[in-house]
Each structure stands twice: as C-alpha cells, then as structure tokens.
Amino acid sequence: MNLADRQKRVGLHLPLDVAGRDPGGARFKETTRTLNVSGGGLAFETGRDIQMGSRLDLRIELPPPLRHHFGGKSEYSVRAVVCRVERPQGAAISRIGVRFLGEIPR
C-alpha cells in the first residue's frame, strides 16, 4: 500500500464503546473517544493493555450531521482488528489504531 492508497483520516472526537479481551483472556468494556476516523478504521486512546491483532467490538455514537452516511443510524457497531499500538516508554496511555472488519448486525 502506498500513501495514495491510504484513506484520509479526519480528526473526530466521537463517543466510543470498546469491548474485547485483555492479553489474559478476561473480557473488558470501556468507554472512550475516537481521536480520528477514516472509512477503514479509527484511532483511540486507552490505559488498557491491548495487543496487536486483538479483535474488538466497537460502538460509535454518531452525531446528527453524520447519520445520513450511515442510513440514519444514531450509532455504528463494527468489529475491528488492532493494527497499531503506540505507547511511549513510561506512558500510562496507549494510542490504538484499528481496521474495520465489518458491521455488527443488530
């Protein structure tokens, strides 16, 4: 993939519910906010230990101006895979980048 193929990221801070399993296999749920969003994924910050390749279920609250892109839905529920983890040495917070795998049916 070259830079021309990358989808444009938009800095949007939307409410985000994240559910998955930690490295020990324990289930977790957390509420946070998106840092940026593209057509193929998003980034968020967390204090949890989330590893590359982890599968997550995400629920993104959509503000009214964006709902027409999602068939009028007020939220978008999607499965995702972690493709980037950035945690500077000594930092308590990680920046997680995920790629969307597919919408979760209601």
Protein backbone atom coordinates (compact mmCIF):
# COMPACT_ATOMS: atom_id res chain seq x y z
CA MET A 1 0.00 0.00 0.00
CA ASN A 2 1.35 3.44 -0.87
CA LEU A 3 0.37 6.78 0.61
CA ALA A 4 -2.02 7.49 -2.24
CA ASP A 5 -3.98 4.35 -1.31
CA ARG A 6 -4.47 5.40 2.33
CA GLN A 7 -7.87 6.68 3.28
CA LYS A 8 -7.97 10.19 4.67
CA ARG A 9 -8.17 10.43 8.45
CA VAL A 10 -10.46 13.03 9.94
CA GLY A 11 -9.90 14.30 13.46
CA LEU A 12 -13.23 13.46 15.09
CA HIS A 13 -13.77 13.03 18.81
CA LEU A 14 -16.84 10.80 18.97
CA PRO A 15 -18.06 8.76 21.95
CA LEU A 16 -16.79 5.18 21.59
CA ASP A 17 -17.59 1.96 23.47
CA VAL A 18 -14.88 -0.71 23.15
CA ALA A 19 -15.33 -4.37 24.10
CA GLY A 20 -12.80 -7.17 23.82
CA ARG A 21 -10.42 -9.39 25.76
CA ASP A 22 -7.21 -8.42 27.51
CA PRO A 23 -3.98 -10.43 26.98
CA GLY A 24 -5.02 -12.78 29.81
CA GLY A 25 -8.35 -13.53 28.12
CA ALA A 26 -10.55 -11.54 30.52
CA ARG A 27 -13.41 -9.63 28.91
CA PHE A 28 -13.46 -5.86 29.22
CA LYS A 29 -15.68 -2.96 28.24
CA GLU A 30 -14.59 0.65 28.22
CA THR A 31 -15.96 3.99 27.12
CA THR A 32 -13.57 6.43 25.47
CA ARG A 33 -13.49 8.77 22.45
CA THR A 34 -12.16 8.49 18.93
CA LEU A 35 -9.08 10.53 18.02
CA ASN A 36 -9.53 10.22 14.28
CA VAL A 37 -11.69 8.25 11.88
CA SER A 38 -11.37 7.12 8.27
CA GLY A 39 -13.51 4.94 6.04
CA GLY A 40 -11.40 1.94 7.02
CA GLY A 41 -10.76 2.40 10.73
CA LEU A 42 -10.13 4.72 13.65
CA ALA A 43 -7.76 5.54 16.49
CA PHE A 44 -8.44 5.95 20.20
CA GLU A 45 -6.51 6.17 23.47
CA THR A 46 -6.71 3.77 26.40
CA GLY A 47 -4.88 2.86 29.58
CA ARG A 48 -5.59 -0.85 28.93
CA ASP A 49 -3.08 -3.34 27.65
CA ILE A 50 -4.42 -4.15 24.16
CA GLN A 51 -2.20 -6.12 21.83
CA MET A 52 -1.68 -6.10 18.06
CA GLY A 53 -4.08 -8.47 16.33
CA SER A 54 -6.72 -8.26 19.08
CA ARG A 55 -10.32 -8.31 17.87
CA LEU A 56 -12.60 -5.63 19.29
CA ASP A 57 -16.27 -4.76 19.07
CA LEU A 58 -16.82 -1.01 18.74
CA ARG A 59 -19.93 1.14 19.09
CA ILE A 60 -19.55 4.69 17.81
CA GLU A 61 -22.16 7.31 18.64
CA LEU A 62 -22.93 9.31 15.51
CA PRO A 63 -23.86 12.99 15.70
CA PRO A 64 -26.88 14.05 13.61
CA PRO A 65 -24.78 15.60 10.76
CA LEU A 66 -23.08 12.22 10.10
CA ARG A 67 -26.10 9.95 10.35
CA HIS A 68 -27.05 10.27 6.68
CA HIS A 69 -23.78 8.46 5.83
CA PHE A 70 -25.00 5.51 7.94
CA GLY A 71 -28.59 5.15 6.80
CA GLY A 72 -29.89 7.47 9.51
CA LYS A 73 -28.47 5.34 12.36
CA SER A 74 -27.53 7.05 15.62
CA GLU A 75 -24.72 4.56 16.24
CA TYR A 76 -22.38 2.39 14.19
CA SER A 77 -21.44 -1.01 15.60
CA VAL A 78 -18.45 -2.68 13.96
CA ARG A 79 -15.90 -5.43 14.53
CA ALA A 80 -12.28 -4.34 14.23
CA VAL A 81 -8.73 -5.65 14.48
CA VAL A 82 -5.91 -3.80 16.23
CA CYS A 83 -3.26 -2.91 13.64
CA ARG A 84 -1.25 -0.30 15.58
CA VAL A 85 -0.30 0.17 19.24
CA GLU A 86 1.77 3.18 20.25
CA ARG A 87 2.83 3.56 23.89
CA PRO A 88 5.82 5.78 24.56
CA GLN A 89 8.13 4.34 27.20
CA GLY A 90 6.82 5.16 30.65
CA ALA A 91 3.45 6.43 29.37
CA ALA A 92 0.23 5.27 31.01
CA ILE A 93 -1.86 5.72 27.85
CA SER A 94 -1.62 3.87 24.53
CA ARG A 95 -2.85 5.07 21.16
CA ILE A 96 -4.64 2.19 19.42
CA GLY A 97 -5.28 2.06 15.68
CA VAL A 98 -7.90 -0.37 14.36
CA ARG A 99 -9.08 -1.51 10.95
CA PHE A 100 -12.79 -2.19 10.48
CA LEU A 101 -13.70 -5.80 9.67
CA GLY A 102 -17.45 -5.48 9.24
CA GLU A 103 -20.58 -4.06 10.72
CA ILE A 104 -22.17 -5.96 13.60
CA PRO A 105 -25.80 -6.76 12.69
CA ARG A 106 -28.46 -5.67 15.14
